[in-house]
């Protein structure tokens, strides 16, 4: 079962995250709503959850840090190579 760890966001808001292993398991079951979002001056990747609120589950590394990418192409390649996600949306700031 997926676990959600809350880590402080850039503006002090909690951020829900997935480990890379959890993200791979989730991507194997559901290829929809994976996205690239701005995170400060970088980009992050994650899964949008659409329930009562729209939430983003960012992917984190083993140290608990949200994965960051300097360019959209690198973020898309990560999602394609690591999770098998070929269709992503870019969510503007």
PDB file of N, CA and C in Angstrom:
ATOM      1  N   UNK A   1       0.841  -1.183   0.000  1.00  0.00           N
ATOM      2  CA  UNK A   1       0.000   0.000   0.000  1.00  0.00           C
ATOM      3  C   UNK A   1       0.882   1.240   0.000  1.00  0.00           C
ATOM      4  N   UNK A   2       0.432   2.254  -0.713  1.00  0.00           N
ATOM      5  CA  UNK A   2       1.167   3.497  -0.824  1.00  0.00           C
ATOM      6  C   UNK A   2       1.143   4.260   0.499  1.00  0.00           C
ATOM      7  N   UNK A   3       2.290   4.810   0.860  1.00  0.00           N
ATOM      8  CA  UNK A   3       2.349   5.670   2.036  1.00  0.00           C
ATOM      9  C   UNK A   3       2.676   7.081   1.575  1.00  0.00           C
ATOM     10  N   UNK A   4       2.104   8.037   2.230  1.00  0.00           N
ATOM     11  CA  UNK A   4       2.349   9.431   1.894  1.00  0.00           C
ATOM     12  C   UNK A   4       3.109  10.083   3.030  1.00  0.00           C
ATOM     13  N   UNK A   5       4.271  10.606   2.703  1.00  0.00           N
ATOM     14  CA  UNK A   5       5.055  11.340   3.684  1.00  0.00           C
ATOM     15  C   UNK A   5       4.879  12.813   3.399  1.00  0.00           C
ATOM     16  N   UNK A   6       4.658  13.585   4.424  1.00  0.00           N
ATOM     17  CA  UNK A   6       4.514  15.027   4.237  1.00  0.00           C
ATOM     18  C   UNK A   6       5.845  15.694   4.564  1.00  0.00           C
ATOM     19  N   UNK A   7       6.333  16.471   3.613  1.00  0.00           N
ATOM     20  CA  UNK A   7       7.569  17.226   3.780  1.00  0.00           C
ATOM     21  C   UNK A   7       7.243  18.697   3.597  1.00  0.00           C
ATOM     22  N   UNK A   8       7.951  19.581   4.302  1.00  0.00           N
ATOM     23  CA  UNK A   8       7.658  21.004   4.144  1.00  0.00           C
ATOM     24  C   UNK A   8       7.835  21.447   2.704  1.00  0.00           C
ATOM     25  N   UNK A   9       6.894  22.222   2.205  1.00  0.00           N
ATOM     26  CA  UNK A   9       6.997  22.772   0.858  1.00  0.00           C
ATOM     27  C   UNK A   9       7.863  24.018   0.864  1.00  0.00           C
ATOM     28  N   UNK A  10       8.085  24.565  -0.315  1.00  0.00           N
ATOM     29  CA  UNK A  10       8.933  25.743  -0.439  1.00  0.00           C
ATOM     30  C   UNK A  10       8.383  26.939   0.324  1.00  0.00           C
ATOM     31  N   UNK A  11       7.056  27.054   0.439  1.00  0.00           N
ATOM     32  CA  UNK A  11       6.469  28.178   1.167  1.00  0.00           C
ATOM     33  C   UNK A  11       5.945  27.747   2.532  1.00  0.00           C
ATOM     34  N   UNK A  12       6.454  26.657   3.063  1.00  0.00           N
ATOM     35  CA  UNK A  12       6.034  26.213   4.382  1.00  0.00           C
ATOM     36  C   UNK A  12       4.791  25.348   4.369  1.00  0.00           C
ATOM     37  N   UNK A  13       4.222  25.077   3.171  1.00  0.00           N
ATOM     38  CA  UNK A  13       3.057  24.195   3.096  1.00  0.00           C
ATOM     39  C   UNK A  13       3.542  22.758   3.037  1.00  0.00           C
ATOM     40  N   UNK A  14       2.792  21.837   3.630  1.00  0.00           N
ATOM     41  CA  UNK A  14       3.214  20.449   3.533  1.00  0.00           C
ATOM     42  C   UNK A  14       3.110  19.951   2.094  1.00  0.00           C
ATOM     43  N   UNK A  15       4.008  19.081   1.712  1.00  0.00           N
ATOM     44  CA  UNK A  15       4.007  18.496   0.377  1.00  0.00           C
ATOM     45  C   UNK A  15       3.930  16.990   0.532  1.00  0.00           C
ATOM     46  N   UNK A  16       2.981  16.386  -0.151  1.00  0.00           N
ATOM     47  CA  UNK A  16       2.859  14.943  -0.123  1.00  0.00           C
ATOM     48  C   UNK A  16       3.795  14.365  -1.176  1.00  0.00           C
ATOM     49  N   UNK A  17       4.527  13.326  -0.796  1.00  0.00           N
ATOM     50  CA  UNK A  17       5.520  12.766  -1.698  1.00  0.00           C
ATOM     51  C   UNK A  17       5.386  11.255  -1.806  1.00  0.00           C
ATOM     52  N   UNK A  18       5.954  10.739  -2.891  1.00  0.00           N
ATOM     53  CA  UNK A  18       6.052   9.307  -3.125  1.00  0.00           C
ATOM     54  C   UNK A  18       7.523   8.947  -3.282  1.00  0.00           C
ATOM     55  N   UNK A  19       7.916   7.806  -2.756  1.00  0.00           N
ATOM     56  CA  UNK A  19       9.255   7.322  -3.061  1.00  0.00           C
ATOM     57  C   UNK A  19       9.265   6.882  -4.521  1.00  0.00           C
ATOM     58  N   UNK A  20      10.443   6.710  -5.086  1.00  0.00           N
ATOM     59  CA  UNK A  20      10.531   6.271  -6.470  1.00  0.00           C
ATOM     60  C   UNK A  20       9.889   4.895  -6.638  1.00  0.00           C
ATOM     61  N   UNK A  21      10.077   4.014  -5.686  1.00  0.00           N
ATOM     62  CA  UNK A  21       9.466   2.684  -5.749  1.00  0.00           C
ATOM     63  C   UNK A  21       7.938   2.777  -5.733  1.00  0.00           C
ATOM     64  N   UNK A  22       7.392   3.629  -4.865  1.00  0.00           N
ATOM     65  CA  UNK A  22       5.940   3.827  -4.812  1.00  0.00           C
ATOM     66  C   UNK A  22       5.425   4.429  -6.118  1.00  0.00           C
ATOM     67  N   UNK A  23       6.193   5.370  -6.684  1.00  0.00           N
ATOM     68  CA  UNK A  23       5.800   5.988  -7.947  1.00  0.00           C
ATOM     69  C   UNK A  23       5.784   4.950  -9.067  1.00  0.00           C
ATOM     70  N   UNK A  24       6.777   4.072  -9.092  1.00  0.00           N
ATOM     71  CA  UNK A  24       6.798   3.013 -10.118  1.00  0.00           C
ATOM     72  C   UNK A  24       5.586   2.096  -9.978  1.00  0.00           C
ATOM     73  N   UNK A  25       5.263   1.715  -8.758  1.00  0.00           N
ATOM     74  CA  UNK A  25       4.096   0.850  -8.534  1.00  0.00           C
ATOM     75  C   UNK A  25       2.805   1.541  -8.961  1.00  0.00           C
ATOM     76  N   UNK A  26       2.672   2.819  -8.618  1.00  0.00           N
ATOM     77  CA  UNK A  26       1.477   3.568  -8.987  1.00  0.00           C
ATOM     78  C   UNK A  26       1.387   3.757 -10.503  1.00  0.00           C
ATOM     79  N   UNK A  27       2.506   4.045 -11.144  1.00  0.00           N
ATOM     80  CA  UNK A  27       2.527   4.236 -12.599  1.00  0.00           C
ATOM     81  C   UNK A  27       2.179   2.947 -13.340  1.00  0.00           C
ATOM     82  N   UNK A  28       2.553   1.805 -12.772  1.00  0.00           N
ATOM     83  CA  UNK A  28       2.215   0.527 -13.406  1.00  0.00           C
ATOM     84  C   UNK A  28       0.702   0.304 -13.411  1.00  0.00           C
ATOM     85  N   UNK A  29       0.012   0.867 -12.437  1.00  0.00           N
ATOM     86  CA  UNK A  29      -1.445   0.698 -12.324  1.00  0.00           C
ATOM     87  C   UNK A  29      -2.225   1.812 -13.012  1.00  0.00           C
ATOM     88  N   UNK A  30      -1.636   3.018 -13.061  1.00  0.00           N
ATOM     89  CA  UNK A  30      -2.382   4.180 -13.555  1.00  0.00           C
ATOM     90  C   UNK A  30      -1.436   5.140 -14.266  1.00  0.00           C
ATOM     91  N   UNK A  31      -1.583   5.256 -15.578  1.00  0.00           N
ATOM     92  CA  UNK A  31      -0.720   6.125 -16.394  1.00  0.00           C
ATOM     93  C   UNK A  31      -1.264   7.543 -16.540  1.00  0.00           C
ATOM     94  N   UNK A  32      -2.433   7.813 -15.997  1.00  0.00           N
ATOM     95  CA  UNK A  32      -3.061   9.128 -16.177  1.00  0.00           C
ATOM     96  C   UNK A  32      -2.617  10.135 -15.116  1.00  0.00           C
ATOM     97  N   UNK A  33      -2.647  11.398 -15.497  1.00  0.00           N
ATOM     98  CA  UNK A  33      -2.457  12.545 -14.594  1.00  0.00           C
ATOM     99  C   UNK A  33      -1.059  12.683 -14.004  1.00  0.00           C
ATOM    100  N   UNK A  34      -0.040  12.205 -14.697  1.00  0.00           N
ATOM    101  CA  UNK A  34       1.336  12.477 -14.291  1.00  0.00           C
ATOM    102  C   UNK A  34       1.715  13.817 -14.881  1.00  0.00           C
ATOM    103  N   UNK A  35       2.456  14.624 -14.122  1.00  0.00           N
ATOM    104  CA  UNK A  35       2.693  15.982 -14.579  1.00  0.00           C
ATOM    105  C   UNK A  35       4.059  16.504 -14.160  1.00  0.00           C
ATOM    106  N   UNK A  36       4.371  17.645 -14.742  1.00  0.00           N
ATOM    107  CA  UNK A  36       5.583  18.397 -14.437  1.00  0.00           C
ATOM    108  C   UNK A  36       5.122  19.741 -13.894  1.00  0.00           C
ATOM    109  N   UNK A  37       5.662  20.148 -12.753  1.00  0.00           N
ATOM    110  CA  UNK A  37       5.262  21.415 -12.132  1.00  0.00           C
ATOM    111  C   UNK A  37       6.502  22.228 -11.774  1.00  0.00           C
ATOM    112  N   UNK A  38       6.309  23.541 -11.700  1.00  0.00           N
ATOM    113  CA  UNK A  38       7.417  24.388 -11.268  1.00  0.00           C
ATOM    114  C   UNK A  38       7.602  24.250  -9.765  1.00  0.00           C
ATOM    115  N   UNK A  39       8.859  24.277  -9.350  1.00  0.00           N
ATOM    116  CA  UNK A  39       9.225  24.182  -7.938  1.00  0.00           C
ATOM    117  C   UNK A  39      10.391  25.130  -7.734  1.00  0.00           C
ATOM    118  N   UNK A  40      10.082  26.350  -7.350  1.00  0.00           N
ATOM    119  CA  UNK A  40      11.128  27.365  -7.286  1.00  0.00           C
ATOM    120  C   UNK A  40      11.614  27.663  -8.696  1.00  0.00           C
ATOM    121  N   UNK A  41      12.931  27.580  -8.904  1.00  0.00           N
ATOM    122  CA  UNK A  41      13.502  27.792 -10.235  1.00  0.00           C
ATOM    123  C   UNK A  41      13.645  26.484 -11.007  1.00  0.00           C
ATOM    124  N   UNK A  42      13.270  25.375 -10.399  1.00  0.00           N
ATOM    125  CA  UNK A  42      13.390  24.061 -11.020  1.00  0.00           C
ATOM    126  C   UNK A  42      12.016  23.502 -11.344  1.00  0.00           C
ATOM    127  N   UNK A  43      12.013  22.265 -11.796  1.00  0.00           N
ATOM    128  CA  UNK A  43      10.781  21.548 -12.089  1.00  0.00           C
ATOM    129  C   UNK A  43      10.746  20.276 -11.266  1.00  0.00           C
ATOM    130  N   UNK A  44       9.561  19.857 -10.884  1.00  0.00           N
ATOM    131  CA  UNK A  44       9.368  18.594 -10.177  1.00  0.00           C
ATOM    132  C   UNK A  44       8.377  17.763 -10.979  1.00  0.00           C
ATOM    133  N   UNK A  45       8.371  16.465 -10.721  1.00  0.00           N
ATOM    134  CA  UNK A  45       7.428  15.568 -11.386  1.00  0.00           C
ATOM    135  C   UNK A  45       6.585  14.879 -10.330  1.00  0.00           C
ATOM    136  N   UNK A  46       5.370  14.524 -10.726  1.00  0.00           N
ATOM    137  CA  UNK A  46       4.510  13.849  -9.767  1.00  0.00           C
ATOM    138  C   UNK A  46       3.199  13.415 -10.370  1.00  0.00           C
ATOM    139  N   UNK A  47       2.346  12.951  -9.527  1.00  0.00           N
ATOM    140  CA  UNK A  47       1.029  12.430  -9.901  1.00  0.00           C
ATOM    141  C   UNK A  47      -0.021  13.362  -9.321  1.00  0.00           C
ATOM    142  N   UNK A  48      -0.919  13.842 -10.176  1.00  0.00           N
ATOM    143  CA  UNK A  48      -2.042  14.655  -9.708  1.00  0.00           C
ATOM    144  C   UNK A  48      -3.141  13.732  -9.229  1.00  0.00           C
ATOM    145  N   UNK A  49      -3.630  13.985  -8.048  1.00  0.00           N
ATOM    146  CA  UNK A  49      -4.756  13.245  -7.481  1.00  0.00           C
ATOM    147  C   UNK A  49      -5.951  14.190  -7.486  1.00  0.00           C
ATOM    148  N   UNK A  50      -7.012  13.750  -8.122  1.00  0.00           N
ATOM    149  CA  UNK A  50      -8.204  14.584  -8.239  1.00  0.00           C
ATOM    150  C   UNK A  50      -9.298  13.982  -7.374  1.00  0.00           C
ATOM    151  N   UNK A  51      -9.448  14.523  -6.163  1.00  0.00           N
ATOM    152  CA  UNK A  51     -10.553  14.112  -5.288  1.00  0.00           C
ATOM    153  C   UNK A  51     -11.258  15.385  -4.845  1.00  0.00           C
ATOM    154  N   UNK A  52     -11.552  15.564  -3.573  1.00  0.00           N
ATOM    155  CA  UNK A  52     -12.195  16.811  -3.148  1.00  0.00           C
ATOM    156  C   UNK A  52     -11.327  18.010  -3.494  1.00  0.00           C
ATOM    157  N   UNK A  53     -10.037  17.855  -3.364  1.00  0.00           N
ATOM    158  CA  UNK A  53      -9.064  18.876  -3.732  1.00  0.00           C
ATOM    159  C   UNK A  53      -8.154  18.287  -4.797  1.00  0.00           C
ATOM    160  N   UNK A  54      -7.441  19.151  -5.474  1.00  0.00           N
ATOM    161  CA  UNK A  54      -6.405  18.694  -6.396  1.00  0.00           C
ATOM    162  C   UNK A  54      -5.110  18.660  -5.607  1.00  0.00           C
ATOM    163  N   UNK A  55      -4.489  17.494  -5.564  1.00  0.00           N
ATOM    164  CA  UNK A  55      -3.232  17.335  -4.822  1.00  0.00           C
ATOM    165  C   UNK A  55      -2.161  16.824  -5.764  1.00  0.00           C
ATOM    166  N   UNK A  56      -0.922  17.170  -5.468  1.00  0.00           N
ATOM    167  CA  UNK A  56       0.209  16.667  -6.220  1.00  0.00           C
ATOM    168  C   UNK A  56       1.055  15.800  -5.307  1.00  0.00           C
ATOM    169  N   UNK A  57       1.308  14.583  -5.748  1.00  0.00           N
ATOM    170  CA  UNK A  57       2.221  13.691  -5.037  1.00  0.00           C
ATOM    171  C   UNK A  57       3.556  13.767  -5.762  1.00  0.00           C
ATOM    172  N   UNK A  58       4.487  14.564  -5.240  1.00  0.00           N
ATOM    173  CA  UNK A  58       5.806  14.722  -5.850  1.00  0.00           C
ATOM    174  C   UNK A  58       6.636  13.477  -5.583  1.00  0.00           C
ATOM    175  N   UNK A  59       7.572  13.203  -6.467  1.00  0.00           N
ATOM    176  CA  UNK A  59       8.458  12.051  -6.291  1.00  0.00           C
ATOM    177  C   UNK A  59       9.703  12.508  -5.562  1.00  0.00           C
ATOM    178  N   UNK A  60      10.094  11.723  -4.538  1.00  0.00           N
ATOM    179  CA  UNK A  60      11.269  12.070  -3.733  1.00  0.00           C
ATOM    180  C   UNK A  60      12.343  10.996  -3.880  1.00  0.00           C
ATOM    181  N   UNK A  61      13.562  11.386  -3.547  1.00  0.00           N
ATOM    182  CA  UNK A  61      14.664  10.424  -3.553  1.00  0.00           C
ATOM    183  C   UNK A  61      14.726   9.712  -2.206  1.00  0.00           C
ATOM    184  N   UNK A  62      15.727   8.853  -2.028  1.00  0.00           N
ATOM    185  CA  UNK A  62      15.843   8.076  -0.796  1.00  0.00           C
ATOM    186  C   UNK A  62      16.117   8.937   0.438  1.00  0.00           C
ATOM    187  N   UNK A  63      16.655  10.130   0.220  1.00  0.00           N
ATOM    188  CA  UNK A  63      16.932  11.040   1.332  1.00  0.00           C
ATOM    189  C   UNK A  63      15.712  11.869   1.709  1.00  0.00           C
ATOM    190  N   UNK A  64      14.621  11.726   0.937  1.00  0.00           N
ATOM    191  CA  UNK A  64      13.409  12.476   1.244  1.00  0.00           C
ATOM    192  C   UNK A  64      13.299  13.803   0.529  1.00  0.00           C
ATOM    193  N   UNK A  65      14.231  14.097  -0.358  1.00  0.00           N
ATOM    194  CA  UNK A  65      14.225  15.354  -1.096  1.00  0.00           C
ATOM    195  C   UNK A  65      13.442  15.189  -2.392  1.00  0.00           C
ATOM    196  N   UNK A  66      12.576  16.144  -2.683  1.00  0.00           N
ATOM    197  CA  UNK A  66      11.802  16.101  -3.919  1.00  0.00           C
ATOM    198  C   UNK A  66      12.769  16.178  -5.102  1.00  0.00           C
ATOM    199  N   UNK A  67      12.566  15.266  -6.077  1.00  0.00           N
ATOM    200  CA  UNK A  67      13.401  15.280  -7.275  1.00  0.00           C
ATOM    201  C   UNK A  67      13.163  16.560  -8.049  1.00  0.00           C
ATOM    202  N   UNK A  68      14.253  17.180  -8.512  1.00  0.00           N
ATOM    203  CA  UNK A  68      14.175  18.436  -9.253  1.00  0.00           C
ATOM    204  C   UNK A  68      14.886  18.289 -10.583  1.00  0.00           C
ATOM    205  N   UNK A  69      14.373  18.987 -11.595  1.00  0.00           N
ATOM    206  CA  UNK A  69      14.930  18.932 -12.936  1.00  0.00           C
ATOM    207  C   UNK A  69      15.075  20.349 -13.460  1.00  0.00           C
ATOM    208  N   UNK A  70      16.162  20.626 -14.197  1.00  0.00           N
ATOM    209  CA  UNK A  70      16.363  21.983 -14.708  1.00  0.00           C
ATOM    210  C   UNK A  70      15.580  22.306 -15.967  1.00  0.00           C
ATOM    211  N   UNK A  71      15.096  21.271 -16.689  1.00  0.00           N
ATOM    212  CA  UNK A  71      14.414  21.515 -17.958  1.00  0.00           C
ATOM    213  C   UNK A  71      13.268  20.519 -18.145  1.00  0.00           C
ATOM    214  N   UNK A  72      12.261  20.945 -18.911  1.00  0.00           N
ATOM    215  CA  UNK A  72      11.099  20.095 -19.175  1.00  0.00           C
ATOM    216  C   UNK A  72      11.518  18.800 -19.863  1.00  0.00           C
ATOM    217  N   UNK A  73      12.458  18.886 -20.797  1.00  0.00           N
ATOM    218  CA  UNK A  73      12.882  17.694 -21.522  1.00  0.00           C
ATOM    219  C   UNK A  73      13.452  16.639 -20.576  1.00  0.00           C
ATOM    220  N   UNK A  74      14.218  17.055 -19.588  1.00  0.00           N
ATOM    221  CA  UNK A  74      14.795  16.113 -18.625  1.00  0.00           C
ATOM    222  C   UNK A  74      13.711  15.507 -17.742  1.00  0.00           C
ATOM    223  N   UNK A  75      12.745  16.303 -17.335  1.00  0.00           N
ATOM    224  CA  UNK A  75      11.647  15.794 -16.513  1.00  0.00           C
ATOM    225  C   UNK A  75      10.817  14.774 -17.297  1.00  0.00           C
ATOM    226  N   UNK A  76      10.523  15.085 -18.560  1.00  0.00           N
ATOM    227  CA  UNK A  76       9.767  14.148 -19.406  1.00  0.00           C
ATOM    228  C   UNK A  76      10.539  12.854 -19.630  1.00  0.00           C
ATOM    229  N   UNK A  77      11.831  12.979 -19.850  1.00  0.00           N
ATOM    230  CA  UNK A  77      12.643  11.782 -20.063  1.00  0.00           C
ATOM    231  C   UNK A  77      12.663  10.908 -18.812  1.00  0.00           C
ATOM    232  N   UNK A  78      12.756  11.528 -17.639  1.00  0.00           N
ATOM    233  CA  UNK A  78      12.706  10.771 -16.389  1.00  0.00           C
ATOM    234  C   UNK A  78      11.387  10.004 -16.284  1.00  0.00           C
ATOM    235  N   UNK A  79      10.277  10.682 -16.512  1.00  0.00           N
ATOM    236  CA  UNK A  79       8.971  10.017 -16.427  1.00  0.00           C
ATOM    237  C   UNK A  79       8.857   8.877 -17.435  1.00  0.00           C
ATOM    238  N   UNK A  80       9.387   9.081 -18.624  1.00  0.00           N
ATOM    239  CA  UNK A  80       9.334   8.051 -19.667  1.00  0.00           C
ATOM    240  C   UNK A  80      10.240   6.865 -19.310  1.00  0.00           C
ATOM    241  N   UNK A  81      11.487   7.154 -18.936  1.00  0.00           N
ATOM    242  CA  UNK A  81      12.462   6.090 -18.684  1.00  0.00           C
ATOM    243  C   UNK A  81      12.213   5.345 -17.374  1.00  0.00           C
ATOM    244  N   UNK A  82      11.885   6.068 -16.318  1.00  0.00           N
ATOM    245  CA  UNK A  82      11.748   5.458 -14.994  1.00  0.00           C
ATOM    246  C   UNK A  82      10.358   4.906 -14.704  1.00  0.00           C
ATOM    247  N   UNK A  83       9.315   5.557 -15.260  1.00  0.00           N
ATOM    248  CA  UNK A  83       7.946   5.165 -14.920  1.00  0.00           C
ATOM    249  C   UNK A  83       7.133   4.664 -16.106  1.00  0.00           C
ATOM    250  N   UNK A  84       7.679   4.774 -17.305  1.00  0.00           N
ATOM    251  CA  UNK A  84       6.936   4.352 -18.478  1.00  0.00           C
ATOM    252  C   UNK A  84       5.782   5.271 -18.834  1.00  0.00           C
ATOM    253  N   UNK A  85       5.883   6.523 -18.431  1.00  0.00           N
ATOM    254  CA  UNK A  85       4.834   7.513 -18.702  1.00  0.00           C
ATOM    255  C   UNK A  85       5.225   8.292 -19.951  1.00  0.00           C
ATOM    256  N   UNK A  86       4.433   8.168 -21.007  1.00  0.00           N
ATOM    257  CA  UNK A  86       4.771   8.854 -22.256  1.00  0.00           C
ATOM    258  C   UNK A  86       3.981  10.145 -22.449  1.00  0.00           C
ATOM    259  N   UNK A  87       2.845  10.269 -21.774  1.00  0.00           N
ATOM    260  CA  UNK A  87       2.027  11.483 -21.906  1.00  0.00           C
ATOM    261  C   UNK A  87       2.000  12.205 -20.564  1.00  0.00           C
ATOM    262  N   UNK A  88       2.513  13.425 -20.564  1.00  0.00           N
ATOM    263  CA  UNK A  88       2.525  14.225 -19.346  1.00  0.00           C
ATOM    264  C   UNK A  88       1.940  15.600 -19.632  1.00  0.00           C
ATOM    265  N   UNK A  89       1.497  16.242 -18.588  1.00  0.00           N
ATOM    266  CA  UNK A  89       1.047  17.626 -18.711  1.00  0.00           C
ATOM    267  C   UNK A  89       2.022  18.504 -17.933  1.00  0.00           C
ATOM    268  N   UNK A  90       2.172  19.721 -18.403  1.00  0.00           N
ATOM    269  CA  UNK A  90       2.984  20.701 -17.696  1.00  0.00           C
ATOM    270  C   UNK A  90       2.025  21.666 -17.042  1.00  0.00           C
ATOM    271  N   UNK A  91       2.132  21.768 -15.722  1.00  0.00           N
ATOM    272  CA  UNK A  91       1.229  22.627 -14.954  1.00  0.00           C
ATOM    273  C   UNK A  91       1.948  23.937 -14.678  1.00  0.00           C
ATOM    274  N   UNK A  92       1.436  25.050 -15.213  1.00  0.00           N
ATOM    275  CA  UNK A  92       2.099  26.335 -14.990  1.00  0.00           C
ATOM    276  C   UNK A  92       1.981  26.774 -13.532  1.00  0.00           C
ATOM    277  N   UNK A  93       2.861  27.650 -13.172  1.00  0.00           N
ATOM    278  CA  UNK A  93       2.905  28.189 -11.812  1.00  0.00           C
ATOM    279  C   UNK A  93       1.671  29.006 -11.512  1.00  0.00           C
TER     280      UNK A  93
END
